[in-house]
PDB file of N, CA and C in Angstrom:
ATOM      1  N   MET A   1      44.677  24.608-151.439  1.00  0.00           N
ATOM      2  CA  MET A   1      45.582  24.541-152.566  1.00  0.00           C
ATOM      3  C   MET A   1      46.901  25.181-152.136  1.00  0.00           C
ATOM      4  N   ARG A   2      47.971  24.528-152.447  1.00  0.00           N
ATOM      5  CA  ARG A   2      49.288  25.047-152.118  1.00  0.00           C
ATOM      6  C   ARG A   2      49.878  25.799-153.307  1.00  0.00           C
ATOM      7  N   ILE A   3      51.002  26.451-153.070  1.00  0.00           N
ATOM      8  CA  ILE A   3      51.631  27.265-154.098  1.00  0.00           C
ATOM      9  C   ILE A   3      52.044  26.403-155.291  1.00  0.00           C
ATOM     10  N   GLY A   4      52.601  25.232-155.039  1.00  0.00           N
ATOM     11  CA  GLY A   4      53.048  24.362-156.123  1.00  0.00           C
ATOM     12  C   GLY A   4      51.920  23.893-157.024  1.00  0.00           C
ATOM     13  N   SER A   5      50.806  23.507-156.427  1.00  0.00           N
ATOM     14  CA  SER A   5      49.681  23.040-157.254  1.00  0.00           C
ATOM     15  C   SER A   5      49.059  24.197-158.048  1.00  0.00           C
ATOM     16  N   ALA A   6      49.087  25.404-157.493  1.00  0.00           N
ATOM     17  CA  ALA A   6      48.582  26.559-158.249  1.00  0.00           C
ATOM     18  C   ALA A   6      49.464  26.834-159.459  1.00  0.00           C
ATOM     19  N   ILE A   7      50.772  26.714-159.286  1.00  0.00           N
ATOM     20  CA  ILE A   7      51.691  26.938-160.407  1.00  0.00           C
ATOM     21  C   ILE A   7      51.521  25.850-161.462  1.00  0.00           C
ATOM     22  N   VAL A   8      51.283  24.618-161.025  1.00  0.00           N
ATOM     23  CA  VAL A   8      51.059  23.522-161.981  1.00  0.00           C
ATOM     24  C   VAL A   8      49.790  23.782-162.791  1.00  0.00           C
ATOM     25  N   LEU A   9      48.715  24.231-162.126  1.00  0.00           N
ATOM     26  CA  LEU A   9      47.486  24.547-162.864  1.00  0.00           C
ATOM     27  C   LEU A   9      47.723  25.637-163.901  1.00  0.00           C
ATOM     28  N   MET A  10      48.472  26.669-163.521  1.00  0.00           N
ATOM     29  CA  MET A  10      48.750  27.746-164.472  1.00  0.00           C
ATOM     30  C   MET A  10      49.602  27.252-165.633  1.00  0.00           C
ATOM     31  N   ALA A  11      50.561  26.377-165.364  1.00  0.00           N
ATOM     32  CA  ALA A  11      51.417  25.850-166.423  1.00  0.00           C
ATOM     33  C   ALA A  11      50.622  24.978-167.395  1.00  0.00           C
ATOM     34  N   ILE A  12      49.765  24.111-166.869  1.00  0.00           N
ATOM     35  CA  ILE A  12      48.940  23.265-167.740  1.00  0.00           C
ATOM     36  C   ILE A  12      47.999  24.134-168.582  1.00  0.00           C
ATOM     37  N   GLY A  13      47.419  25.150-167.952  1.00  0.00           N
ATOM     38  CA  GLY A  13      46.545  26.055-168.697  1.00  0.00           C
ATOM     39  C   GLY A  13      47.286  26.790-169.796  1.00  0.00           C
ATOM     40  N   ALA A  14      48.514  27.252-169.515  1.00  0.00           N
ATOM     41  CA  ALA A  14      49.304  27.952-170.527  1.00  0.00           C
ATOM     42  C   ALA A  14      49.679  27.020-171.677  1.00  0.00           C
ATOM     43  N   ILE A  15      49.971  25.773-171.359  1.00  0.00           N
ATOM     44  CA  ILE A  15      50.282  24.810-172.414  1.00  0.00           C
ATOM     45  C   ILE A  15      49.065  24.593-173.311  1.00  0.00           C
ATOM     46  N   LEU A  16      47.890  24.466-172.701  1.00  0.00           N
ATOM     47  CA  LEU A  16      46.681  24.263-173.504  1.00  0.00           C
ATOM     48  C   LEU A  16      46.359  25.482-174.369  1.00  0.00           C
ATOM     49  N   VAL A  17      46.617  26.675-173.860  1.00  0.00           N
ATOM     50  CA  VAL A  17      46.278  27.885-174.618  1.00  0.00           C
ATOM     51  C   VAL A  17      47.260  28.123-175.753  1.00  0.00           C
ATOM     52  N   TRP A  18      48.561  28.074-175.460  1.00  0.00           N
ATOM     53  CA  TRP A  18      49.542  28.537-176.437  1.00  0.00           C
ATOM     54  C   TRP A  18      50.340  27.444-177.134  1.00  0.00           C
ATOM     55  N   ALA A  19      50.324  26.200-176.629  1.00  0.00           N
ATOM     56  CA  ALA A  19      51.173  25.182-177.244  1.00  0.00           C
ATOM     57  C   ALA A  19      50.391  24.085-177.957  1.00  0.00           C
ATOM     58  N   VAL A  20      49.176  23.841-177.568  1.00  0.00           N
ATOM     59  CA  VAL A  20      48.395  22.759-178.164  1.00  0.00           C
ATOM     60  C   VAL A  20      47.526  23.339-179.276  1.00  0.00           C
ATOM     61  N   ASP A  21      47.640  22.730-180.451  1.00  0.00           N
ATOM     62  CA  ASP A  21      46.831  23.169-181.591  1.00  0.00           C
ATOM     63  C   ASP A  21      46.069  21.958-182.114  1.00  0.00           C
ATOM     64  N   ALA A  22      45.071  21.541-181.366  1.00  0.00           N
ATOM     65  CA  ALA A  22      44.282  20.373-181.742  1.00  0.00           C
ATOM     66  C   ALA A  22      42.818  20.780-181.847  1.00  0.00           C
ATOM     67  N   ASP A  23      42.121  20.136-182.745  1.00  0.00           N
ATOM     68  CA  ASP A  23      40.697  20.377-182.903  1.00  0.00           C
ATOM     69  C   ASP A  23      39.932  19.237-182.251  1.00  0.00           C
ATOM     70  N   VAL A  24      39.338  19.528-181.117  1.00  0.00           N
ATOM     71  CA  VAL A  24      38.522  18.543-180.408  1.00  0.00           C
ATOM     72  C   VAL A  24      37.074  18.993-180.570  1.00  0.00           C
ATOM     73  N   PRO A  25      36.216  18.113-181.093  1.00  0.00           N
ATOM     74  CA  PRO A  25      34.827  18.519-181.313  1.00  0.00           C
ATOM     75  C   PRO A  25      34.128  18.875-180.005  1.00  0.00           C
ATOM     76  N   TYR A  26      33.383  19.979-180.020  1.00  0.00           N
ATOM     77  CA  TYR A  26      32.577  20.468-178.907  1.00  0.00           C
ATOM     78  C   TYR A  26      33.386  20.906-177.688  1.00  0.00           C
ATOM     79  N   VAL A  27      34.715  20.994-177.797  1.00  0.00           N
ATOM     80  CA  VAL A  27      35.560  21.395-176.667  1.00  0.00           C
ATOM     81  C   VAL A  27      36.523  22.465-177.148  1.00  0.00           C
ATOM     82  N   SER A  28      36.591  23.550-176.425  1.00  0.00           N
ATOM     83  CA  SER A  28      37.547  24.606-176.724  1.00  0.00           C
ATOM     84  C   SER A  28      38.718  24.486-175.761  1.00  0.00           C
ATOM     85  N   LEU A  29      39.850  23.992-176.268  1.00  0.00           N
ATOM     86  CA  LEU A  29      41.019  23.826-175.411  1.00  0.00           C
ATOM     87  C   LEU A  29      41.556  25.173-174.934  1.00  0.00           C
ATOM     88  N   ASP A  30      41.371  26.208-175.732  1.00  0.00           N
ATOM     89  CA  ASP A  30      41.787  27.543-175.291  1.00  0.00           C
ATOM     90  C   ASP A  30      41.000  27.977-174.061  1.00  0.00           C
ATOM     91  N   MET A  31      39.684  27.768-174.073  1.00  0.00           N
ATOM     92  CA  MET A  31      38.857  28.166-172.933  1.00  0.00           C
ATOM     93  C   MET A  31      39.208  27.350-171.694  1.00  0.00           C
ATOM     94  N   ILE A  32      39.431  26.056-171.865  1.00  0.00           N
ATOM     95  CA  ILE A  32      39.842  25.224-170.728  1.00  0.00           C
ATOM     96  C   ILE A  32      41.174  25.721-170.173  1.00  0.00           C
ATOM     97  N   GLY A  33      42.080  26.094-171.054  1.00  0.00           N
ATOM     98  CA  GLY A  33      43.371  26.628-170.621  1.00  0.00           C
ATOM     99  C   GLY A  33      43.225  27.914-169.832  1.00  0.00           C
ATOM    100  N   TYR A  34      42.387  28.829-170.329  1.00  0.00           N
ATOM    101  CA  TYR A  34      42.163  30.084-169.607  1.00  0.00           C
ATOM    102  C   TYR A  34      41.519  29.843-168.241  1.00  0.00           C
ATOM    103  N   ILE A  35      40.600  28.879-168.182  1.00  0.00           N
ATOM    104  CA  ILE A  35      39.968  28.545-166.898  1.00  0.00           C
ATOM    105  C   ILE A  35      41.008  27.993-165.927  1.00  0.00           C
ATOM    106  N   LEU A  36      41.906  27.135-166.402  1.00  0.00           N
ATOM    107  CA  LEU A  36      42.951  26.595-165.529  1.00  0.00           C
ATOM    108  C   LEU A  36      43.917  27.682-165.069  1.00  0.00           C
ATOM    109  N   ILE A  37      44.240  28.606-165.943  1.00  0.00           N
ATOM    110  CA  ILE A  37      45.116  29.713-165.550  1.00  0.00           C
ATOM    111  C   ILE A  37      44.432  30.552-164.468  1.00  0.00           C
ATOM    112  N   ALA A  38      43.158  30.857-164.656  1.00  0.00           N
ATOM    113  CA  ALA A  38      42.429  31.651-163.662  1.00  0.00           C
ATOM    114  C   ALA A  38      42.341  30.910-162.328  1.00  0.00           C
ATOM    115  N   ALA A  39      42.079  29.604-162.376  1.00  0.00           N
ATOM    116  CA  ALA A  39      42.018  28.828-161.139  1.00  0.00           C
ATOM    117  C   ALA A  39      43.381  28.805-160.449  1.00  0.00           C
ATOM    118  N   GLY A  40      44.447  28.734-161.224  1.00  0.00           N
ATOM    119  CA  GLY A  40      45.787  28.757-160.653  1.00  0.00           C
ATOM    120  C   GLY A  40      46.115  30.088-160.006  1.00  0.00           C
ATOM    121  N   VAL A  41      45.705  31.178-160.640  1.00  0.00           N
ATOM    122  CA  VAL A  41      45.952  32.512-160.063  1.00  0.00           C
ATOM    123  C   VAL A  41      45.173  32.680-158.759  1.00  0.00           C
ATOM    124  N   ILE A  42      43.917  32.269-158.755  1.00  0.00           N
ATOM    125  CA  ILE A  42      43.109  32.350-157.533  1.00  0.00           C
ATOM    126  C   ILE A  42      43.712  31.476-156.440  1.00  0.00           C
ATOM    127  N   GLY A  43      44.147  30.269-156.801  1.00  0.00           N
ATOM    128  CA  GLY A  43      44.776  29.388-155.829  1.00  0.00           C
ATOM    129  C   GLY A  43      46.082  29.949-155.294  1.00  0.00           C
ATOM    130  N   LEU A  44      46.853  30.605-156.140  1.00  0.00           N
ATOM    131  CA  LEU A  44      48.111  31.205-155.707  1.00  0.00           C
ATOM    132  C   LEU A  44      47.852  32.353-154.732  1.00  0.00           C
ATOM    133  N   ILE A  45      46.870  33.182-155.030  1.00  0.00           N
ATOM    134  CA  ILE A  45      46.517  34.279-154.122  1.00  0.00           C
ATOM    135  C   ILE A  45      46.037  33.707-152.790  1.00  0.00           C
ATOM    136  N   TRP A  46      45.215  32.668-152.849  1.00  0.00           N
ATOM    137  CA  TRP A  46      44.707  32.025-151.634  1.00  0.00           C
ATOM    138  C   TRP A  46      45.857  31.466-150.801  1.00  0.00           C
ATOM    139  N   ALA A  47      46.795  30.788-151.436  1.00  0.00           N
ATOM    140  CA  ALA A  47      47.927  30.197-150.720  1.00  0.00           C
ATOM    141  C   ALA A  47      48.809  31.268-150.088  1.00  0.00           C
ATOM    142  N   LEU A  48      49.014  32.372-150.786  1.00  0.00           N
ATOM    143  CA  LEU A  48      49.829  33.448-150.224  1.00  0.00           C
ATOM    144  C   LEU A  48      49.138  34.114-149.040  1.00  0.00           C
ATOM    145  N   ILE A  49      47.837  34.290-149.120  1.00  0.00           N
ATOM    146  CA  ILE A  49      47.098  34.870-147.992  1.00  0.00           C
ATOM    147  C   ILE A  49      47.119  33.906-146.806  1.00  0.00           C
ATOM    148  N   ALA A  50      46.929  32.622-147.079  1.00  0.00           N
ATOM    149  CA  ALA A  50      46.919  31.637-146.000  1.00  0.00           C
ATOM    150  C   ALA A  50      48.286  31.512-145.330  1.00  0.00           C
ATOM    151  N   SER A  51      49.351  31.750-146.059  1.00  0.00           N
ATOM    152  CA  SER A  51      50.683  31.644-145.453  1.00  0.00           C
ATOM    153  C   SER A  51      50.977  32.840-144.552  1.00  0.00           C
ATOM    154  N   GLN A  52      50.212  33.926-144.688  1.00  0.00           N
ATOM    155  CA  GLN A  52      50.412  35.101-143.849  1.00  0.00           C
ATOM    156  C   GLN A  52      49.648  35.022-142.530  1.00  0.00           C
ATOM    157  N   ARG A  53      48.789  34.030-142.392  1.00  0.00           N
ATOM    158  CA  ARG A  53      48.027  33.881-141.153  1.00  0.00           C
ATOM    159  C   ARG A  53      48.956  33.495-140.019  1.00  0.00           C
ATOM    160  N   SER A  54      48.639  33.947-138.849  1.00  0.00           N
ATOM    161  CA  SER A  54      49.471  33.633-137.699  1.00  0.00           C
ATOM    162  C   SER A  54      48.610  33.073-136.579  1.00  0.00           C
ATOM    163  N   ARG A  55      49.241  32.376-135.672  1.00  0.00           N
ATOM    164  CA  ARG A  55      48.550  31.819-134.526  1.00  0.00           C
ATOM    165  C   ARG A  55      48.758  32.753-133.343  1.00  0.00           C
ATOM    166  N   VAL A  56      47.662  33.121-132.692  1.00  0.00           N
ATOM    167  CA  VAL A  56      47.711  34.009-131.542  1.00  0.00           C
ATOM    168  C   VAL A  56      47.485  33.171-130.289  1.00  0.00           C
ATOM    169  N   THR A  57      48.413  33.265-129.342  1.00  0.00           N
ATOM    170  CA  THR A  57      48.295  32.531-128.092  1.00  0.00           C
ATOM    171  C   THR A  57      48.206  33.522-126.943  1.00  0.00           C
ATOM    172  N   GLU A  58      47.204  33.343-126.112  1.00  0.00           N
ATOM    173  CA  GLU A  58      46.992  34.206-124.955  1.00  0.00           C
ATOM    174  C   GLU A  58      46.992  33.323-123.718  1.00  0.00           C
ATOM    175  N   SER A  59      47.792  33.674-122.732  1.00  0.00           N
ATOM    176  CA  SER A  59      47.832  32.868-121.520  1.00  0.00           C
ATOM    177  C   SER A  59      47.643  33.757-120.296  1.00  0.00           C
ATOM    178  N   ARG A  60      47.010  33.179-119.282  1.00  0.00           N
ATOM    179  CA  ARG A  60      46.750  33.885-118.030  1.00  0.00           C
ATOM    180  C   ARG A  60      47.093  32.969-116.861  1.00  0.00           C
ATOM    181  N   THR A  61      47.634  33.556-115.833  1.00  0.00           N
ATOM    182  CA  THR A  61      47.894  32.825-114.599  1.00  0.00           C
ATOM    183  C   THR A  61      47.241  33.602-113.461  1.00  0.00           C
ATOM    184  N   LEU A  62      46.337  32.942-112.752  1.00  0.00           N
ATOM    185  CA  LEU A  62      45.603  33.559-111.651  1.00  0.00           C
ATOM    186  C   LEU A  62      45.720  32.689-110.412  1.00  0.00           C
ATOM    187  N   GLN A  63      45.540  33.309-109.268  1.00  0.00           N
ATOM    188  CA  GLN A  63      45.553  32.555-108.025  1.00  0.00           C
ATOM    189  C   GLN A  63      44.161  32.643-107.420  1.00  0.00           C
ATOM    190  N   ASP A  64      43.599  31.477-107.106  1.00  0.00           N
ATOM    191  CA  ASP A  64      42.267  31.417-106.518  1.00  0.00           C
ATOM    192  C   ASP A  64      42.333  31.996-105.102  1.00  0.00           C
ATOM    193  N   PRO A  65      41.511  33.021-104.803  1.00  0.00           N
ATOM    194  CA  PRO A  65      41.607  33.646-103.482  1.00  0.00           C
ATOM    195  C   PRO A  65      41.120  32.754-102.327  1.00  0.00           C
ATOM    196  N   HIS A  66      40.271  31.781-102.620  1.00  0.00           N
ATOM    197  CA  HIS A  66      39.727  30.935-101.554  1.00  0.00           C
ATOM    198  C   HIS A  66      40.664  29.785-101.212  1.00  0.00           C
ATOM    199  N   THR A  67      41.219  29.143-102.229  1.00  0.00           N
ATOM    200  CA  THR A  67      42.049  27.964-101.972  1.00  0.00           C
ATOM    201  C   THR A  67      43.536  28.259-102.085  1.00  0.00           C
ATOM    202  N   GLY A  68      43.906  29.344-102.711  1.00  0.00           N
ATOM    203  CA  GLY A  68      45.313  29.658-102.914  1.00  0.00           C
ATOM    204  C   GLY A  68      45.925  28.888-104.076  1.00  0.00           C
ATOM    205  N   GLU A  69      45.108  28.145-104.797  1.00  0.00           N
ATOM    206  CA  GLU A  69      45.585  27.344-105.926  1.00  0.00           C
ATOM    207  C   GLU A  69      45.857  28.253-107.129  1.00  0.00           C
ATOM    208  N   THR A  70      46.959  27.980-107.811  1.00  0.00           N
ATOM    209  CA  THR A  70      47.314  28.744-109.008  1.00  0.00           C
ATOM    210  C   THR A  70      46.668  28.087-110.227  1.00  0.00           C
ATOM    211  N   VAL A  71      45.964  28.897-111.002  1.00  0.00           N
ATOM    212  CA  VAL A  71      45.265  28.406-112.190  1.00  0.00           C
ATOM    213  C   VAL A  71      45.929  29.029-113.411  1.00  0.00           C
ATOM    214  N   HIS A  72      46.328  28.174-114.341  1.00  0.00           N
ATOM    215  CA  HIS A  72      46.953  28.642-115.577  1.00  0.00           C
ATOM    216  C   HIS A  72      46.031  28.289-116.739  1.00  0.00           C
ATOM    217  N   ARG A  73      45.721  29.274-117.565  1.00  0.00           N
ATOM    218  CA  ARG A  73      44.833  29.054-118.700  1.00  0.00           C
ATOM    219  C   ARG A  73      45.496  29.611-119.941  1.00  0.00           C
ATOM    220  N   ALA A  74      45.529  28.809-121.007  1.00  0.00           N
ATOM    221  CA  ALA A  74      46.114  29.243-122.285  1.00  0.00           C
ATOM    222  C   ALA A  74      45.093  29.001-123.392  1.00  0.00           C
ATOM    223  N   GLU A  75      44.904  30.002-124.237  1.00  0.00           N
ATOM    224  CA  GLU A  75      44.014  29.894-125.392  1.00  0.00           C
ATOM    225  C   GLU A  75      44.790  30.278-126.632  1.00  0.00           C
ATOM    226  N   SER A  76      44.564  29.546-127.684  1.00  0.00           N
ATOM    227  CA  SER A  76      45.207  29.909-128.945  1.00  0.00           C
ATOM    228  C   SER A  76      44.169  29.810-130.067  1.00  0.00           C
ATOM    229  N   HIS A  77      44.308  30.722-131.024  1.00  0.00           N
ATOM    230  CA  HIS A  77      43.395  30.733-132.169  1.00  0.00           C
ATOM    231  C   HIS A  77      44.137  31.301-133.356  1.00  0.00           C
ATOM    232  N   GLU A  78      43.588  31.043-134.530  1.00  0.00           N
ATOM    233  CA  GLU A  78      44.180  31.542-135.763  1.00  0.00           C
ATOM    234  C   GLU A  78      43.842  33.011-135.902  1.00  0.00           C
ATOM    235  N   GLY A  79      44.830  33.808-136.190  1.00  0.00           N
ATOM    236  CA  GLY A  79      44.598  35.241-136.391  1.00  0.00           C
ATOM    237  C   GLY A  79      44.760  35.577-137.867  1.00  0.00           C
ATOM    238  N   LEU A  80      44.114  36.626-138.271  1.00  0.00           N
ATOM    239  CA  LEU A  80      44.276  37.082-139.648  1.00  0.00           C
ATOM    240  C   LEU A  80      44.330  38.564-139.694  1.00  0.00           C
TER     241      LEU A  80
END
């Protein structure tokens, strides 16, 4: 979930909680709104944490003692 979609979920939830005054049988629009707001907040926190992740790259250059060949090795992984 990206930041924009989390904000959209929170906005739709807020509209359902505070702006819509409809009686739908067997459905609580207020509860659905609160659930959407909570999902949006969780998604926003997730997106902010994910944007702080960085990629770690480690590289090594070695020379083979038997053949004299230079070996270059690079590894990269997600860091947190």
